[in-house]
Amino acid sequence: MQKNDSKGDPTVATLLTWFVPGAGHLYLGRPLFALAAFVVVEGIYLLGLWLSDGRAFEILPPEMRSQFAPFLSPESGNLGAILFQSSRFGYGTGAPSIWPSTMHLGMSLTALSGILNVLLMSRANFDARMTRASTGLRPETAALASWLIPGLGQILQGRHLRGLLMFLMLVGLFTIGSTMGEGANLDRERHFFYWGGQALLGLPALLTEAIHGHSPLDHEIPYHDLAVVMGCVAGLLNVLVMLDAYGWSESLHLGEDPKQGLTAKNTA
């Protein structure tokens, strides 16, 4: 990798993006991209905040509430937004009231904003280090694809068998957990923190939740605890899949051999 003397410090770009989406790219001299990123990421968060009335953290039971509890959620990927939500809405007034009908959709959107901003942070870091022209699937795009559908990033990179195996293993684990739990593991209102891990599985988790995740419980589920853990672990393992996709594309863009960890010129 060539030394970068012209753009900016990668760590500064990353941290700026964490606080304000797009700020890192503004620092790197890309104002139009920065504006577009800010509008998209913050727009999704604000829409989710509006749909949920800012009440996402009220679903936490009193014994699980603390000053930092909300930050153990996907929303913390968008630090400025979650700081605003925590200070403006917090845990609510304490007065009983009915959740808005769009509560779950709103919470999913605020979580999505946090995940997207983490990918934007990775792009800011990469753009600050990238000094040569290159083509191909960008690292953050590969990671995003593997978040949407586990293994999709690997498939787009041409690693079809690897991507297919990752999809089958993670979605299979999630499916087994959801079946054992009769869908009760899918509801963020029931399992706030576990849901955060589960959401990292992307569309398989979010779509399944939208279809089956909010049915009332009228009986005891024997393996409910195990089901919750399995769904969460599937999402956490998908982070490794996303990192694998990111690292492969990053190596190619930087002129390295992703299989060997050596520069292309050294392998010639």
Foldseek 3Di string as FASTA:
>chain_A
DDFFDQFDALVVLLVLLQAANLRSVVSRVDNVVSVVRRCVLVVLLVVLCVLFVLQLLLLDPPVQDDLCSVCLFLLSLNVNSVVCSCVPQNNHDPDDDDTHPSNVVSVLSSSVSSVVSNLSSVVSSLVSGFDDDDDDDALSNLLVLCQQQNLRSVVSVVNNVVSVVLRCVLLVLLVVLCVLQVQQLLDCSVPVNLNRLLSSSHPSSVVSCVVRHDDDDDDDRPCNVVSSVSSSVSSNVSNVSSVLSSQCNSQVSVQHHSVPRGHVVVVD
